[in-house]
N, C-alpha and C. Protein backbone atom coordinates (compact mmCIF):
# COMPACT_ATOMS: atom_id res chain seq x y z
N MET A 1 110.09 76.49 90.76
CA MET A 1 109.94 77.90 90.50
C MET A 1 111.17 78.37 89.71
N LYS A 2 110.92 79.15 88.68
CA LYS A 2 112.01 79.67 87.87
C LYS A 2 112.86 80.64 88.67
N ALA A 3 114.09 80.81 88.19
CA ALA A 3 115.00 81.73 88.87
C ALA A 3 114.47 83.16 88.83
N GLN A 4 113.79 83.52 87.74
CA GLN A 4 113.25 84.87 87.63
C GLN A 4 112.19 85.13 88.69
N TYR A 5 111.31 84.15 88.94
CA TYR A 5 110.27 84.31 89.95
C TYR A 5 110.88 84.34 91.35
N ARG A 6 111.90 83.53 91.58
CA ARG A 6 112.57 83.55 92.90
C ARG A 6 113.21 84.91 93.16
N PHE A 7 113.91 85.43 92.14
CA PHE A 7 114.57 86.73 92.28
C PHE A 7 113.54 87.82 92.53
N LEU A 8 112.46 87.81 91.79
CA LEU A 8 111.39 88.80 91.97
C LEU A 8 110.76 88.70 93.34
N TYR A 9 110.56 87.47 93.83
CA TYR A 9 109.98 87.27 95.15
C TYR A 9 110.91 87.80 96.24
N ILE A 10 112.19 87.53 96.12
CA ILE A 10 113.16 87.99 97.13
C ILE A 10 113.25 89.51 97.13
N ILE A 11 113.34 90.12 95.96
CA ILE A 11 113.43 91.58 95.89
C ILE A 11 112.16 92.23 96.43
N THR A 12 111.00 91.68 96.06
CA THR A 12 109.74 92.23 96.55
C THR A 12 109.64 92.09 98.07
N SER A 13 110.06 90.95 98.60
CA SER A 13 110.02 90.75 100.05
C SER A 13 110.91 91.75 100.77
N MET A 14 112.10 91.97 100.22
CA MET A 14 113.02 92.91 100.86
C MET A 14 112.48 94.34 100.82
N VAL A 15 111.90 94.73 99.69
CA VAL A 15 111.35 96.09 99.56
C VAL A 15 110.19 96.29 100.53
N VAL A 16 109.31 95.30 100.62
CA VAL A 16 108.17 95.41 101.54
C VAL A 16 108.67 95.48 102.99
N TYR A 17 109.66 94.66 103.34
CA TYR A 17 110.19 94.66 104.71
C TYR A 17 110.83 96.00 105.06
N VAL A 18 111.57 96.57 104.11
CA VAL A 18 112.21 97.87 104.36
C VAL A 18 111.16 98.97 104.47
N LEU A 19 110.13 98.94 103.63
CA LEU A 19 109.08 99.96 103.72
C LEU A 19 108.33 99.88 105.04
N ILE A 20 108.06 98.67 105.50
CA ILE A 20 107.42 98.52 106.82
C ILE A 20 108.33 99.05 107.91
N GLY A 21 109.62 98.78 107.79
CA GLY A 21 110.59 99.29 108.77
C GLY A 21 110.67 100.81 108.77
N LEU A 22 110.60 101.43 107.60
CA LEU A 22 110.63 102.89 107.53
C LEU A 22 109.37 103.51 108.13
N ILE A 23 108.24 102.93 107.83
CA ILE A 23 106.99 103.41 108.42
C ILE A 23 107.04 103.28 109.94
N GLU A 24 107.55 102.15 110.39
CA GLU A 24 107.68 101.94 111.83
C GLU A 24 108.65 102.94 112.45
N PHE A 25 109.76 103.20 111.78
CA PHE A 25 110.78 104.11 112.30
C PHE A 25 110.23 105.52 112.50
N PHE A 26 109.43 105.98 111.54
CA PHE A 26 108.93 107.35 111.62
C PHE A 26 107.67 107.49 112.47
N CYS A 27 106.86 106.44 112.57
CA CYS A 27 105.57 106.57 113.27
C CYS A 27 105.56 105.94 114.67
N LEU A 28 106.28 104.86 114.84
CA LEU A 28 106.19 104.12 116.09
C LEU A 28 106.74 104.90 117.28
N ASN A 29 107.78 105.67 117.07
CA ASN A 29 108.40 106.41 118.16
C ASN A 29 107.41 107.37 118.80
N ASP A 30 106.68 108.09 117.99
CA ASP A 30 105.70 109.05 118.53
C ASP A 30 104.54 108.34 119.22
N LEU A 31 104.11 107.21 118.66
CA LEU A 31 103.02 106.46 119.30
C LEU A 31 103.45 105.86 120.64
N LEU A 32 104.70 105.41 120.71
CA LEU A 32 105.19 104.83 121.97
C LEU A 32 105.43 105.88 123.04
N ASP A 33 105.68 107.11 122.63
CA ASP A 33 105.84 108.18 123.62
C ASP A 33 104.56 108.42 124.41
N ILE A 34 103.42 108.08 123.85
CA ILE A 34 102.15 108.21 124.56
C ILE A 34 102.12 107.24 125.74
N ILE A 35 102.66 106.03 125.53
CA ILE A 35 102.64 105.00 126.57
C ILE A 35 103.77 105.21 127.56
N SER A 36 104.99 105.35 127.05
CA SER A 36 106.15 105.49 127.93
C SER A 36 107.25 106.22 127.17
N THR A 37 108.06 106.97 127.90
CA THR A 37 109.18 107.67 127.28
C THR A 37 110.51 107.01 127.61
N ARG A 38 110.47 105.86 128.24
CA ARG A 38 111.71 105.17 128.63
C ARG A 38 112.38 104.56 127.40
N TYR A 39 113.70 104.67 127.38
CA TYR A 39 114.49 104.15 126.26
C TYR A 39 114.38 102.64 126.16
N PHE A 40 114.42 101.95 127.28
CA PHE A 40 114.36 100.48 127.30
C PHE A 40 113.05 99.97 126.69
N PHE A 41 111.96 100.63 126.99
CA PHE A 41 110.66 100.25 126.44
C PHE A 41 110.65 100.43 124.92
N HIS A 42 111.22 101.53 124.44
CA HIS A 42 111.29 101.78 123.01
C HIS A 42 112.14 100.72 122.30
N VAL A 43 113.25 100.34 122.90
CA VAL A 43 114.12 99.32 122.30
C VAL A 43 113.42 97.97 122.27
N LEU A 44 112.75 97.60 123.34
CA LEU A 44 112.02 96.32 123.35
C LEU A 44 110.92 96.29 122.29
N MET A 45 110.18 97.36 122.14
CA MET A 45 109.13 97.40 121.15
C MET A 45 109.70 97.39 119.73
N ALA A 46 110.81 98.09 119.51
CA ALA A 46 111.43 98.10 118.18
C ALA A 46 111.95 96.71 117.82
N LEU A 47 112.56 96.02 118.78
CA LEU A 47 113.05 94.66 118.53
C LEU A 47 111.90 93.68 118.30
N GLY A 48 110.82 93.84 119.06
CA GLY A 48 109.65 93.00 118.86
C GLY A 48 109.05 93.18 117.48
N CYS A 49 108.96 94.42 117.05
CA CYS A 49 108.44 94.68 115.70
C CYS A 49 109.40 94.16 114.63
N LEU A 50 110.69 94.34 114.86
CA LEU A 50 111.68 93.93 113.87
C LEU A 50 111.71 92.43 113.67
N PHE A 51 111.59 91.66 114.74
CA PHE A 51 111.74 90.21 114.64
C PHE A 51 110.43 89.43 114.61
N ILE A 52 109.33 90.03 115.06
CA ILE A 52 108.07 89.28 115.12
C ILE A 52 107.02 89.85 114.17
N ILE A 53 106.72 91.11 114.30
CA ILE A 53 105.60 91.69 113.57
C ILE A 53 105.94 91.96 112.10
N ASN A 54 107.10 92.55 111.83
CA ASN A 54 107.45 92.90 110.45
C ASN A 54 107.57 91.69 109.53
N PRO A 55 108.20 90.59 109.93
CA PRO A 55 108.22 89.43 109.02
C PRO A 55 106.83 88.88 108.72
N LEU A 56 105.95 88.85 109.72
CA LEU A 56 104.60 88.36 109.48
C LEU A 56 103.83 89.29 108.55
N LEU A 57 103.97 90.59 108.75
CA LEU A 57 103.30 91.55 107.88
C LEU A 57 103.84 91.48 106.45
N SER A 58 105.15 91.40 106.32
CA SER A 58 105.72 91.35 104.97
C SER A 58 105.33 90.06 104.26
N TYR A 59 105.27 88.94 104.97
CA TYR A 59 104.83 87.68 104.37
C TYR A 59 103.38 87.78 103.90
N ALA A 60 102.53 88.37 104.73
CA ALA A 60 101.12 88.51 104.36
C ALA A 60 100.94 89.44 103.16
N ILE A 61 101.72 90.51 103.10
CA ILE A 61 101.60 91.45 101.99
C ILE A 61 102.13 90.85 100.69
N VAL A 62 103.30 90.21 100.75
CA VAL A 62 103.90 89.63 99.55
C VAL A 62 103.07 88.46 99.05
N ASP A 63 102.43 87.74 99.96
CA ASP A 63 101.59 86.61 99.56
C ASP A 63 100.38 87.06 98.75
N LYS A 64 99.93 88.29 98.96
CA LYS A 64 98.77 88.80 98.23
C LYS A 64 99.14 89.41 96.88
N LEU A 65 100.41 89.65 96.63
CA LEU A 65 100.83 90.22 95.36
C LEU A 65 100.81 89.16 94.26
N PRO A 66 100.45 89.53 93.04
CA PRO A 66 100.35 88.55 91.95
C PRO A 66 101.68 88.28 91.26
N ILE A 67 102.67 87.75 91.96
CA ILE A 67 103.97 87.47 91.35
C ILE A 67 104.26 85.98 91.29
N LYS A 68 103.25 85.15 91.54
CA LYS A 68 103.45 83.70 91.53
C LYS A 68 103.27 83.17 90.10
N PRO A 69 104.04 82.16 89.71
CA PRO A 69 103.85 81.59 88.38
C PRO A 69 102.56 80.78 88.33
N ASN A 70 102.00 80.66 87.13
CA ASN A 70 100.79 79.86 86.95
C ASN A 70 101.14 78.38 87.03
N LEU A 71 100.29 77.61 87.65
CA LEU A 71 100.49 76.17 87.72
C LEU A 71 100.13 75.53 86.39
N LYS A 72 100.84 74.48 86.02
CA LYS A 72 100.59 73.83 84.75
C LYS A 72 99.78 72.55 84.89
N LEU A 73 99.26 72.28 86.06
CA LEU A 73 98.47 71.08 86.29
C LEU A 73 97.07 71.27 85.74
N LYS A 74 96.64 70.36 84.91
CA LYS A 74 95.28 70.44 84.36
C LYS A 74 94.28 69.80 85.31
N GLY A 75 94.63 68.64 85.85
CA GLY A 75 93.75 67.94 86.78
C GLY A 75 94.30 68.05 88.19
N GLY A 76 94.05 67.01 88.94
CA GLY A 76 94.59 66.98 90.29
C GLY A 76 95.99 66.40 90.31
N ILE A 77 96.62 66.45 91.45
CA ILE A 77 97.97 65.92 91.60
C ILE A 77 97.98 64.39 91.49
N LYS A 78 96.88 63.75 91.87
CA LYS A 78 96.81 62.29 91.78
C LYS A 78 96.85 61.83 90.32
N GLU A 79 96.21 62.56 89.43
CA GLU A 79 96.24 62.21 88.02
C GLU A 79 97.66 62.34 87.45
N ASP A 80 98.37 63.37 87.87
CA ASP A 80 99.75 63.55 87.39
C ASP A 80 100.66 62.47 87.95
N LEU A 81 100.42 62.05 89.20
CA LEU A 81 101.25 60.99 89.76
C LEU A 81 101.00 59.66 89.07
N LYS A 82 99.77 59.43 88.63
CA LYS A 82 99.46 58.19 87.91
C LYS A 82 100.22 58.13 86.60
N THR A 83 100.35 59.25 85.90
CA THR A 83 101.06 59.25 84.63
C THR A 83 102.57 59.07 84.84
N VAL A 84 103.10 59.50 85.96
CA VAL A 84 104.52 59.31 86.26
C VAL A 84 104.81 57.86 86.55
N LYS A 85 103.94 57.17 87.28
CA LYS A 85 104.17 55.77 87.66
C LYS A 85 104.07 54.86 86.45
N GLU A 86 103.25 55.20 85.46
CA GLU A 86 103.06 54.35 84.29
C GLU A 86 104.18 54.53 83.35
């Protein structure tokens, strides 16, 4: 992967992760107040979202964006490996 595609992927991943975090910050607190108003419960849910849910969501969203380079393989990988061995 070219350096340009790597840089674009990293920046896009960070932007998506921060946007998910901002949405969570403004909306999750009010939704959790319906279940419980305890501080410990809010901290546990925020940490769970920060370390488990947000990375999975950001990976799924970034994976659907069209920022991947086009592959240059015309046939299958086996055909390309045959030309390397010869």
